């Protein structure tokens, strides 16, 4: 009986998201905005039809996985391999610039350096699912600019591993040789 209720809830969420997405597209707005409106309407802050936090998390992950699966079906690995170095360089430049800005802010305002590094990493990241959906809706996903943007988004996602290792090492209070080896290995895997 519980599985039947879960499936009914998922179906209700999918239908509501679809209807809100179509309504937004009719007003020449991104469908993604409609999906967010559906989430607000069905969530605990409005109608309260979906209240279980674990169920909300599962629905969110399912939505992102489905979106990325559909986008992955459209990506060409041959084209991606050609622009990979450009994407990795752009992602590295973006992360470095973000770290530089927050390091400067940390110096000016007296913030601790680990906080500046964490904030620099957070600001450097983009939502792959949201950006890809916007590119898809604008019919720019297969353009050269769209392919480069997707490659940069994927490079940012891959950079999460070295970022998390760096934050973990800073949280332990410093670098040791094993931390340096694991961080170097993670960075080498990106290249």
N, C-alpha and C. Protein backbone atom coordinates (compact mmCIF):
# COMPACT_ATOMS: atom_id res chain seq x y z
N UNK A 1 0.83 -1.20 0.00
CA UNK A 1 0.00 0.00 0.00
C UNK A 1 0.87 1.26 0.00
N UNK A 2 2.01 1.17 0.68
CA UNK A 2 2.90 2.32 0.75
C UNK A 2 3.51 2.64 -0.62
N UNK A 3 3.85 1.59 -1.38
CA UNK A 3 4.42 1.78 -2.71
C UNK A 3 3.38 2.45 -3.61
N UNK A 4 2.11 2.04 -3.48
CA UNK A 4 1.04 2.64 -4.28
C UNK A 4 0.91 4.13 -3.97
N UNK A 5 0.99 4.49 -2.69
CA UNK A 5 0.91 5.90 -2.30
C UNK A 5 2.10 6.70 -2.81
N UNK A 6 3.30 6.09 -2.77
CA UNK A 6 4.49 6.76 -3.26
C UNK A 6 4.41 7.01 -4.76
N UNK A 7 3.92 6.00 -5.50
CA UNK A 7 3.80 6.17 -6.95
C UNK A 7 2.75 7.22 -7.30
N UNK A 8 1.67 7.27 -6.53
CA UNK A 8 0.64 8.28 -6.76
C UNK A 8 1.21 9.68 -6.51
N UNK A 9 2.00 9.82 -5.46
CA UNK A 9 2.62 11.11 -5.16
C UNK A 9 3.57 11.55 -6.26
N UNK A 10 4.37 10.60 -6.74
CA UNK A 10 5.31 10.91 -7.82
C UNK A 10 4.55 11.31 -9.08
N UNK A 11 3.48 10.58 -9.40
CA UNK A 11 2.69 10.92 -10.58
C UNK A 11 2.07 12.30 -10.44
N UNK A 12 1.57 12.63 -9.25
CA UNK A 12 0.99 13.95 -9.01
C UNK A 12 2.03 15.05 -9.20
N UNK A 13 3.23 14.83 -8.70
CA UNK A 13 4.29 15.82 -8.83
C UNK A 13 4.68 15.99 -10.30
N UNK A 14 4.79 14.89 -11.03
CA UNK A 14 5.16 14.97 -12.45
C UNK A 14 4.10 15.72 -13.24
N UNK A 15 2.83 15.42 -13.00
CA UNK A 15 1.74 16.10 -13.72
C UNK A 15 1.72 17.59 -13.38
N UNK A 16 1.87 17.91 -12.10
CA UNK A 16 1.87 19.32 -11.70
C UNK A 16 3.05 20.07 -12.32
N UNK A 17 4.23 19.44 -12.32
CA UNK A 17 5.40 20.07 -12.93
C UNK A 17 5.20 20.28 -14.42
N UNK A 18 4.63 19.27 -15.08
CA UNK A 18 4.38 19.38 -16.51
C UNK A 18 3.40 20.50 -16.82
N UNK A 19 2.31 20.56 -16.07
CA UNK A 19 1.30 21.61 -16.30
C UNK A 19 1.86 23.01 -16.03
N UNK A 20 2.59 23.15 -14.94
CA UNK A 20 3.18 24.46 -14.62
C UNK A 20 4.24 24.84 -15.66
N UNK A 21 5.02 23.85 -16.11
CA UNK A 21 6.03 24.11 -17.13
C UNK A 21 5.39 24.55 -18.44
N UNK A 22 4.32 23.88 -18.84
CA UNK A 22 3.61 24.26 -20.07
C UNK A 22 2.99 25.64 -19.93
N UNK A 23 2.46 25.95 -18.75
CA UNK A 23 1.87 27.28 -18.53
C UNK A 23 2.93 28.37 -18.65
N UNK A 24 4.11 28.13 -18.10
CA UNK A 24 5.17 29.13 -18.20
C UNK A 24 5.64 29.30 -19.65
N UNK A 25 5.74 28.20 -20.38
CA UNK A 25 6.14 28.30 -21.78
C UNK A 25 5.10 29.07 -22.59
N UNK A 26 3.85 28.93 -22.23
CA UNK A 26 2.79 29.68 -22.93
C UNK A 26 2.96 31.18 -22.73
N UNK A 27 3.49 31.58 -21.56
CA UNK A 27 3.76 32.99 -21.28
C UNK A 27 5.18 33.39 -21.68
N UNK A 28 5.81 32.55 -22.53
CA UNK A 28 7.17 32.80 -23.04
C UNK A 28 8.21 32.89 -21.92
N UNK A 29 8.03 32.07 -20.90
CA UNK A 29 8.98 31.97 -19.78
C UNK A 29 9.60 30.57 -19.81
N UNK A 30 10.76 30.39 -19.20
CA UNK A 30 11.37 29.05 -19.18
C UNK A 30 10.51 28.04 -18.42
N UNK A 31 10.44 26.83 -18.95
CA UNK A 31 9.67 25.76 -18.29
C UNK A 31 10.23 25.48 -16.90
N UNK A 32 11.52 25.68 -16.73
CA UNK A 32 12.16 25.45 -15.43
C UNK A 32 11.50 26.28 -14.33
N UNK A 33 11.09 27.49 -14.67
CA UNK A 33 10.38 28.34 -13.72
C UNK A 33 9.06 27.69 -13.30
N UNK A 34 8.38 27.08 -14.24
CA UNK A 34 7.14 26.37 -13.93
C UNK A 34 7.37 25.18 -13.02
N UNK A 35 8.49 24.48 -13.22
CA UNK A 35 8.81 23.35 -12.35
C UNK A 35 9.02 23.82 -10.92
N UNK A 36 9.67 24.98 -10.77
CA UNK A 36 9.89 25.51 -9.42
C UNK A 36 8.57 25.96 -8.79
N UNK A 37 7.69 26.55 -9.60
CA UNK A 37 6.38 26.95 -9.08
C UNK A 37 5.61 25.73 -8.61
N UNK A 38 5.67 24.65 -9.38
CA UNK A 38 4.99 23.41 -8.98
C UNK A 38 5.55 22.90 -7.66
N UNK A 39 6.86 22.97 -7.48
CA UNK A 39 7.48 22.54 -6.24
C UNK A 39 7.01 23.36 -5.06
N UNK A 40 6.91 24.67 -5.26
CA UNK A 40 6.44 25.54 -4.17
C UNK A 40 4.98 25.23 -3.84
N UNK A 41 4.16 25.05 -4.88
CA UNK A 41 2.74 24.78 -4.66
C UNK A 41 2.51 23.45 -3.94
N UNK A 42 3.24 22.41 -4.33
CA UNK A 42 3.03 21.09 -3.75
C UNK A 42 3.77 20.87 -2.44
N UNK A 43 4.76 21.70 -2.18
CA UNK A 43 5.60 21.51 -1.00
C UNK A 43 4.94 21.94 0.29
N UNK A 44 5.67 21.79 1.39
CA UNK A 44 5.13 22.07 2.72
C UNK A 44 4.75 23.54 2.94
N UNK A 45 5.30 24.45 2.14
CA UNK A 45 5.01 25.87 2.38
C UNK A 45 3.69 26.34 1.76
N UNK A 46 3.06 25.54 0.90
CA UNK A 46 1.79 25.96 0.28
C UNK A 46 0.72 24.90 0.55
N UNK A 47 0.44 24.05 -0.43
CA UNK A 47 -0.63 23.05 -0.28
C UNK A 47 -0.24 21.89 0.64
N UNK A 48 1.03 21.63 0.77
CA UNK A 48 1.50 20.59 1.68
C UNK A 48 1.19 19.17 1.21
N UNK A 49 1.02 18.97 -0.11
CA UNK A 49 0.74 17.63 -0.60
C UNK A 49 1.97 16.72 -0.51
N UNK A 50 3.15 17.31 -0.58
CA UNK A 50 4.39 16.55 -0.40
C UNK A 50 5.09 17.16 0.81
N UNK A 51 5.14 16.40 1.91
CA UNK A 51 5.73 16.94 3.15
C UNK A 51 6.93 16.16 3.63
N UNK A 52 7.01 14.88 3.29
CA UNK A 52 8.10 14.03 3.76
C UNK A 52 9.42 14.49 3.13
N UNK A 53 10.37 14.92 3.95
CA UNK A 53 11.64 15.45 3.44
C UNK A 53 12.43 14.42 2.64
N UNK A 54 12.36 13.14 3.04
CA UNK A 54 13.09 12.12 2.28
C UNK A 54 12.46 11.96 0.90
N UNK A 55 11.13 12.07 0.83
CA UNK A 55 10.45 11.97 -0.46
C UNK A 55 10.80 13.17 -1.35
N UNK A 56 10.91 14.33 -0.75
CA UNK A 56 11.30 15.53 -1.51
C UNK A 56 12.70 15.35 -2.07
N UNK A 57 13.61 14.83 -1.27
CA UNK A 57 14.98 14.59 -1.73
C UNK A 57 15.03 13.59 -2.87
N UNK A 58 14.25 12.52 -2.77
CA UNK A 58 14.21 11.52 -3.84
C UNK A 58 13.66 12.13 -5.12
N UNK A 59 12.60 12.92 -5.01
CA UNK A 59 12.02 13.56 -6.20
C UNK A 59 13.01 14.52 -6.84
N UNK A 60 13.74 15.27 -6.02
CA UNK A 60 14.73 16.21 -6.56
C UNK A 60 15.84 15.48 -7.30
N UNK A 61 16.35 14.42 -6.69
CA UNK A 61 17.41 13.65 -7.34
C UNK A 61 16.90 12.99 -8.61
N UNK A 62 15.69 12.48 -8.58
CA UNK A 62 15.11 11.84 -9.76
C UNK A 62 14.98 12.85 -10.90
N UNK A 63 14.53 14.05 -10.58
CA UNK A 63 14.38 15.08 -11.61
C UNK A 63 15.71 15.46 -12.23
N UNK A 64 16.73 15.66 -11.42
CA UNK A 64 18.05 16.02 -11.94
C UNK A 64 18.63 14.87 -12.75
N UNK A 65 18.48 13.63 -12.27
CA UNK A 65 19.00 12.48 -13.01
C UNK A 65 18.32 12.34 -14.36
N UNK A 66 17.00 12.51 -14.41
CA UNK A 66 16.29 12.40 -15.67
C UNK A 66 16.73 13.49 -16.65
N UNK A 67 16.87 14.70 -16.15
CA UNK A 67 17.30 15.80 -17.01
C UNK A 67 18.70 15.54 -17.56
N UNK A 68 19.62 15.13 -16.70
CA UNK A 68 20.98 14.87 -17.15
C UNK A 68 21.04 13.66 -18.08
N UNK A 69 20.18 12.67 -17.86
CA UNK A 69 20.12 11.51 -18.75
C UNK A 69 19.70 11.93 -20.15
N UNK A 70 18.65 12.75 -20.23
CA UNK A 70 18.16 13.21 -21.53
C UNK A 70 19.23 14.04 -22.23
N UNK A 71 19.89 14.91 -21.49
CA UNK A 71 20.94 15.74 -22.07
C UNK A 71 22.11 14.85 -22.52
N UNK A 72 22.46 13.86 -21.71
CA UNK A 72 23.54 12.96 -22.06
C UNK A 72 23.26 12.20 -23.35
N UNK A 73 22.01 11.93 -23.62
CA UNK A 73 21.64 11.26 -24.87
C UNK A 73 21.93 12.14 -26.08
N UNK A 74 21.95 13.45 -25.90
CA UNK A 74 22.16 14.37 -27.00
C UNK A 74 23.62 14.78 -27.19
N UNK A 75 24.47 14.51 -26.20
CA UNK A 75 25.86 14.95 -26.28
C UNK A 75 26.68 14.02 -27.16
N UNK A 76 27.63 14.59 -27.86
CA UNK A 76 28.52 13.83 -28.71
C UNK A 76 29.90 13.78 -28.05
N UNK A 77 30.37 12.58 -27.74
CA UNK A 77 31.69 12.44 -27.12
C UNK A 77 32.80 12.90 -28.06
N UNK A 78 32.62 12.70 -29.35
CA UNK A 78 33.62 13.12 -30.33
C UNK A 78 33.82 14.63 -30.27
N UNK A 79 32.72 15.38 -30.23
CA UNK A 79 32.81 16.84 -30.15
C UNK A 79 33.34 17.26 -28.79
N UNK A 80 32.89 16.56 -27.75
CA UNK A 80 33.32 16.89 -26.38
C UNK A 80 34.83 16.73 -26.24
N UNK A 81 35.41 15.68 -26.84
CA UNK A 81 36.85 15.46 -26.74
C UNK A 81 37.64 16.59 -27.38
N UNK A 82 37.07 17.21 -28.43
CA UNK A 82 37.77 18.30 -29.11
C UNK A 82 37.85 19.57 -28.26
N UNK A 83 36.84 19.80 -27.44
CA UNK A 83 36.82 21.05 -26.67
C UNK A 83 37.14 20.84 -25.19
N UNK A 84 37.57 19.64 -24.82
CA UNK A 84 37.81 19.33 -23.42
C UNK A 84 38.89 20.22 -22.81
N UNK A 85 39.98 20.44 -23.51
CA UNK A 85 41.07 21.25 -22.95
C UNK A 85 40.63 22.70 -22.74
N UNK A 86 39.88 23.24 -23.68
CA UNK A 86 39.34 24.59 -23.53
C UNK A 86 38.42 24.66 -22.31
N UNK A 87 37.57 23.65 -22.15
CA UNK A 87 36.63 23.63 -21.02
C UNK A 87 37.38 23.53 -19.70
N UNK A 88 38.38 22.67 -19.63
CA UNK A 88 39.15 22.51 -18.39
C UNK A 88 39.88 23.81 -18.05
N UNK A 89 40.43 24.47 -19.07
CA UNK A 89 41.13 25.73 -18.82
C UNK A 89 40.16 26.81 -18.35
N UNK A 90 38.98 26.86 -18.97
CA UNK A 90 37.98 27.86 -18.57
C UNK A 90 37.50 27.61 -17.14
N UNK A 91 37.26 26.34 -16.79
CA UNK A 91 36.82 26.02 -15.43
C UNK A 91 37.92 26.35 -14.42
N UNK A 92 39.17 26.03 -14.75
CA UNK A 92 40.29 26.34 -13.85
C UNK A 92 40.44 27.85 -13.66
N UNK A 93 40.30 28.60 -14.75
CA UNK A 93 40.38 30.06 -14.67
C UNK A 93 39.25 30.62 -13.81
N UNK A 94 38.05 30.09 -13.98
CA UNK A 94 36.91 30.56 -13.19
C UNK A 94 37.12 30.27 -11.70
N UNK A 95 37.60 29.08 -11.38
CA UNK A 95 37.84 28.72 -9.98
C UNK A 95 38.95 29.59 -9.39
N UNK A 96 40.02 29.79 -10.17
CA UNK A 96 41.14 30.62 -9.70
C UNK A 96 40.68 32.06 -9.46
N UNK A 97 39.87 32.59 -10.37
CA UNK A 97 39.38 33.96 -10.21
C UNK A 97 38.50 34.08 -8.97
N UNK A 98 37.64 33.10 -8.76
CA UNK A 98 36.76 33.10 -7.60
C UNK A 98 37.57 33.02 -6.31
N UNK A 99 38.57 32.15 -6.29
CA UNK A 99 39.44 32.04 -5.11
C UNK A 99 40.20 33.34 -4.88
N UNK A 100 40.67 33.97 -5.96
CA UNK A 100 41.38 35.23 -5.84
C UNK A 100 40.53 36.34 -5.24
N UNK A 101 39.29 36.45 -5.72
CA UNK A 101 38.38 37.48 -5.20
C UNK A 101 38.11 37.25 -3.72
N UNK A 102 37.82 36.00 -3.34
CA UNK A 102 37.51 35.74 -1.94
C UNK A 102 38.74 35.80 -1.04
N UNK A 103 39.92 35.52 -1.58
CA UNK A 103 41.14 35.70 -0.80
C UNK A 103 41.36 37.18 -0.51
N UNK A 104 41.10 38.02 -1.52
CA UNK A 104 41.22 39.46 -1.33
C UNK A 104 40.20 39.95 -0.30
N UNK A 105 38.97 39.47 -0.40
CA UNK A 105 37.95 39.84 0.58
C UNK A 105 38.34 39.37 1.99
N UNK A 106 38.92 38.18 2.07
CA UNK A 106 39.35 37.67 3.37
C UNK A 106 40.43 38.57 3.96
N UNK A 107 41.34 39.03 3.13
CA UNK A 107 42.40 39.91 3.59
C UNK A 107 41.82 41.25 4.07
N UNK A 108 40.89 41.80 3.29
CA UNK A 108 40.30 43.11 3.62
C UNK A 108 39.46 43.05 4.88
N UNK A 109 38.63 42.01 4.99
CA UNK A 109 37.69 41.93 6.11
C UNK A 109 38.16 41.05 7.27
N UNK A 110 39.33 40.47 7.15
CA UNK A 110 39.87 39.66 8.24
C UNK A 110 39.19 38.31 8.40
N UNK A 111 38.65 37.78 7.33
CA UNK A 111 38.03 36.45 7.38
C UNK A 111 39.11 35.38 7.45
N UNK A 112 38.79 34.24 8.04
CA UNK A 112 39.76 33.14 8.02
C UNK A 112 39.90 32.59 6.60
N UNK A 113 41.11 32.19 6.25
CA UNK A 113 41.39 31.71 4.89
C UNK A 113 40.57 30.47 4.52
N UNK A 114 40.35 29.50 5.43
CA UNK A 114 39.50 28.36 5.03
C UNK A 114 38.10 28.80 4.59
N UNK A 115 37.54 29.81 5.24
CA UNK A 115 36.22 30.29 4.84
C UNK A 115 36.29 30.93 3.45
N UNK A 116 37.36 31.67 3.17
CA UNK A 116 37.53 32.29 1.86
C UNK A 116 37.64 31.23 0.77
N UNK A 117 38.38 30.16 1.04
CA UNK A 117 38.52 29.08 0.07
C UNK A 117 37.18 28.40 -0.17
N UNK A 118 36.45 28.11 0.90
CA UNK A 118 35.14 27.48 0.77
C UNK A 118 34.20 28.36 -0.05
N UNK A 119 34.13 29.64 0.26
CA UNK A 119 33.25 30.56 -0.48
C UNK A 119 33.69 30.69 -1.94
N UNK A 120 34.99 30.69 -2.17
CA UNK A 120 35.49 30.74 -3.55
C UNK A 120 35.06 29.52 -4.34
N UNK A 121 35.13 28.35 -3.72
CA UNK A 121 34.70 27.13 -4.39
C UNK A 121 33.19 27.16 -4.66
N UNK A 122 32.41 27.61 -3.68
CA UNK A 122 30.95 27.64 -3.84
C UNK A 122 30.55 28.57 -4.97
N UNK A 123 31.13 29.75 -5.03
CA UNK A 123 30.78 30.73 -6.06
C UNK A 123 31.23 30.26 -7.44
N UNK A 124 32.31 29.47 -7.51
CA UNK A 124 32.83 29.02 -8.79
C UNK A 124 31.95 27.96 -9.45
N UNK A 125 31.08 27.33 -8.70
CA UNK A 125 30.26 26.25 -9.24
C UNK A 125 28.98 26.78 -9.87
N UNK A 126 28.52 26.07 -10.88
CA UNK A 126 27.26 26.38 -11.53
C UNK A 126 26.37 25.15 -11.45
N UNK A 127 25.08 25.35 -11.55
CA UNK A 127 24.16 24.23 -11.56
C UNK A 127 24.10 23.66 -12.97
N UNK A 128 24.69 22.49 -13.15
CA UNK A 128 24.73 21.87 -14.47
C UNK A 128 23.32 21.62 -14.99
N UNK A 129 22.46 21.08 -14.15
CA UNK A 129 21.11 20.75 -14.60
C UNK A 129 20.35 22.00 -15.05
N UNK A 130 20.43 23.06 -14.27
CA UNK A 130 19.70 24.29 -14.62
C UNK A 130 20.26 24.91 -15.89
N UNK A 131 21.59 25.02 -15.97
CA UNK A 131 22.21 25.65 -17.14
C UNK A 131 21.92 24.86 -18.41
N UNK A 132 21.97 23.54 -18.32
CA UNK A 132 21.71 22.72 -19.51
C UNK A 132 20.26 22.84 -19.93
N UNK A 133 19.35 22.88 -18.97
CA UNK A 133 17.93 23.03 -19.33
C UNK A 133 17.68 24.38 -19.99
N UNK A 134 18.32 25.43 -19.50
CA UNK A 134 18.17 26.75 -20.11
C UNK A 134 18.73 26.74 -21.54
N UNK A 135 19.90 26.12 -21.73
CA UNK A 135 20.47 26.01 -23.08
C UNK A 135 19.56 25.21 -24.00
N UNK A 136 18.98 24.14 -23.46
CA UNK A 136 18.08 23.31 -24.26
C UNK A 136 16.83 24.09 -24.65
N UNK A 137 16.24 24.81 -23.72
CA UNK A 137 15.04 25.60 -24.01
C UNK A 137 15.33 26.70 -25.03
N UNK A 138 16.53 27.27 -24.99
CA UNK A 138 16.90 28.33 -25.93
C UNK A 138 17.39 27.76 -27.26
N UNK A 139 17.37 26.45 -27.40
CA UNK A 139 17.85 25.75 -28.59
C UNK A 139 19.30 26.10 -28.92
N UNK A 140 20.09 26.25 -27.87
CA UNK A 140 21.51 26.57 -28.03
C UNK A 140 22.41 25.41 -27.61
N UNK A 141 21.80 24.30 -27.22
CA UNK A 141 22.58 23.18 -26.69
C UNK A 141 23.55 22.62 -27.72
N UNK A 142 23.16 22.60 -28.99
CA UNK A 142 24.00 22.01 -30.03
C UNK A 142 24.86 23.03 -30.76
N UNK A 143 24.74 24.31 -30.39
CA UNK A 143 25.60 25.33 -31.00
C UNK A 143 27.00 25.20 -30.41
N UNK A 144 27.97 25.85 -31.06
CA UNK A 144 29.35 25.79 -30.54
C UNK A 144 29.43 26.37 -29.13
N UNK A 145 28.77 27.50 -28.91
CA UNK A 145 28.77 28.09 -27.58
C UNK A 145 28.11 27.19 -26.55
N UNK A 146 27.03 26.55 -26.94
CA UNK A 146 26.33 25.63 -26.04
C UNK A 146 27.18 24.43 -25.68
N UNK A 147 27.89 23.89 -26.68
CA UNK A 147 28.76 22.73 -26.41
C UNK A 147 29.91 23.12 -25.49
N UNK A 148 30.46 24.31 -25.69
CA UNK A 148 31.55 24.77 -24.81
C UNK A 148 31.02 24.98 -23.39
N UNK A 149 29.82 25.57 -23.28
CA UNK A 149 29.23 25.79 -21.95
C UNK A 149 29.00 24.47 -21.23
N UNK A 150 28.50 23.46 -21.94
CA UNK A 150 28.27 22.15 -21.32
C UNK A 150 29.60 21.52 -20.91
N UNK A 151 30.61 21.65 -21.74
CA UNK A 151 31.92 21.10 -21.40
C UNK A 151 32.49 21.78 -20.15
N UNK A 152 32.33 23.09 -20.05
CA UNK A 152 32.80 23.82 -18.86
C UNK A 152 32.02 23.35 -17.63
N UNK A 153 30.71 23.16 -17.77
CA UNK A 153 29.90 22.68 -16.64
C UNK A 153 30.37 21.31 -16.17
N UNK A 154 30.68 20.43 -17.12
CA UNK A 154 31.16 19.09 -16.76
C UNK A 154 32.53 19.18 -16.09
N UNK A 155 33.40 20.07 -16.60
CA UNK A 155 34.71 20.26 -15.96
C UNK A 155 34.55 20.78 -14.54
N UNK A 156 33.59 21.69 -14.33
CA UNK A 156 33.33 22.18 -12.97
C UNK A 156 32.88 21.03 -12.07
N UNK A 157 31.99 20.18 -12.60
CA UNK A 157 31.51 19.05 -11.80
C UNK A 157 32.66 18.12 -11.42
N UNK A 158 33.59 17.91 -12.34
CA UNK A 158 34.72 17.04 -12.05
C UNK A 158 35.68 17.70 -11.05
N UNK A 159 35.71 19.01 -11.03
CA UNK A 159 36.59 19.73 -10.10
C UNK A 159 36.11 19.65 -8.66
N UNK A 160 34.91 19.13 -8.46
CA UNK A 160 34.36 19.02 -7.10
C UNK A 160 35.24 18.11 -6.24
N UNK A 161 35.78 17.06 -6.83
CA UNK A 161 36.58 16.11 -6.04
C UNK A 161 37.82 16.79 -5.44
N UNK A 162 38.65 17.47 -6.25
CA UNK A 162 39.79 18.17 -5.63
C UNK A 162 39.35 19.25 -4.64
N UNK A 163 38.21 19.91 -4.94
CA UNK A 163 37.72 20.93 -4.01
C UNK A 163 37.38 20.32 -2.66
N UNK A 164 36.67 19.19 -2.68
CA UNK A 164 36.29 18.54 -1.43
C UNK A 164 37.51 18.04 -0.67
N UNK A 165 38.49 17.51 -1.40
CA UNK A 165 39.73 17.06 -0.75
C UNK A 165 40.45 18.24 -0.10
N UNK A 166 40.49 19.38 -0.80
CA UNK A 166 41.14 20.57 -0.26
C UNK A 166 40.45 21.04 1.01
N UNK A 167 39.12 21.09 0.98
CA UNK A 167 38.36 21.53 2.15
C UNK A 167 38.55 20.56 3.31
N UNK A 168 38.58 19.26 3.00
CA UNK A 168 38.81 18.26 4.04
C UNK A 168 40.18 18.40 4.69
N UNK A 169 41.18 18.65 3.87
CA UNK A 169 42.54 18.83 4.40
C UNK A 169 42.61 20.09 5.25
N UNK A 170 41.98 21.17 4.79
CA UNK A 170 41.99 22.42 5.57
C UNK A 170 41.24 22.24 6.89
N UNK A 171 40.20 21.41 6.88
CA UNK A 171 39.44 21.16 8.10
C UNK A 171 40.24 20.37 9.13
N UNK A 172 41.19 19.57 8.65
CA UNK A 172 42.04 18.80 9.57
C UNK A 172 43.20 19.62 10.09
N UNK A 173 43.37 20.82 9.54
CA UNK A 173 44.39 21.70 10.10
C UNK A 173 45.67 21.83 9.32
N UNK A 174 45.80 21.19 8.16
CA UNK A 174 47.01 21.39 7.39
C UNK A 174 47.27 20.26 6.42
N UNK A 175 48.30 20.46 5.58
CA UNK A 175 48.66 19.47 4.58
C UNK A 175 49.71 18.53 5.13
N UNK A 176 49.58 17.26 4.81
CA UNK A 176 50.65 16.31 5.04
C UNK A 176 50.96 15.67 3.68
N UNK A 177 51.92 14.81 3.62
CA UNK A 177 52.32 14.29 2.31
C UNK A 177 51.24 13.43 1.69
N UNK A 178 50.45 12.69 2.48
CA UNK A 178 49.37 11.87 1.92
C UNK A 178 48.27 12.76 1.33
N UNK A 179 47.99 13.87 2.00
CA UNK A 179 46.98 14.80 1.49
C UNK A 179 47.44 15.38 0.17
N UNK A 180 48.70 15.74 0.09
CA UNK A 180 49.25 16.29 -1.15
C UNK A 180 49.18 15.26 -2.28
N UNK A 181 49.48 13.99 -1.96
CA UNK A 181 49.43 12.94 -2.99
C UNK A 181 48.00 12.74 -3.47
N UNK A 182 47.03 12.67 -2.55
CA UNK A 182 45.64 12.44 -2.97
C UNK A 182 45.10 13.63 -3.75
N UNK A 183 45.46 14.83 -3.34
CA UNK A 183 45.02 16.04 -4.07
C UNK A 183 45.65 16.09 -5.44
N UNK A 184 46.93 15.76 -5.54
CA UNK A 184 47.61 15.74 -6.85
C UNK A 184 47.00 14.69 -7.76
N UNK A 185 46.68 13.54 -7.20
CA UNK A 185 46.04 12.48 -7.99
C UNK A 185 44.68 12.92 -8.51
N UNK A 186 43.90 13.59 -7.68
CA UNK A 186 42.58 14.06 -8.10
C UNK A 186 42.71 15.10 -9.21
N UNK A 187 43.68 16.01 -9.09
CA UNK A 187 43.88 17.02 -10.13
C UNK A 187 44.37 16.38 -11.41
N UNK A 188 45.26 15.37 -11.30
CA UNK A 188 45.78 14.68 -12.49
C UNK A 188 44.66 13.97 -13.23
N UNK A 189 43.70 13.41 -12.50
CA UNK A 189 42.57 12.73 -13.16
C UNK A 189 41.72 13.70 -13.96
N UNK A 190 41.69 14.97 -13.57
CA UNK A 190 40.94 15.96 -14.33
C UNK A 190 41.57 16.23 -15.68
N UNK A 191 42.90 16.15 -15.76
CA UNK A 191 43.60 16.44 -17.01
C UNK A 191 43.48 15.29 -17.92
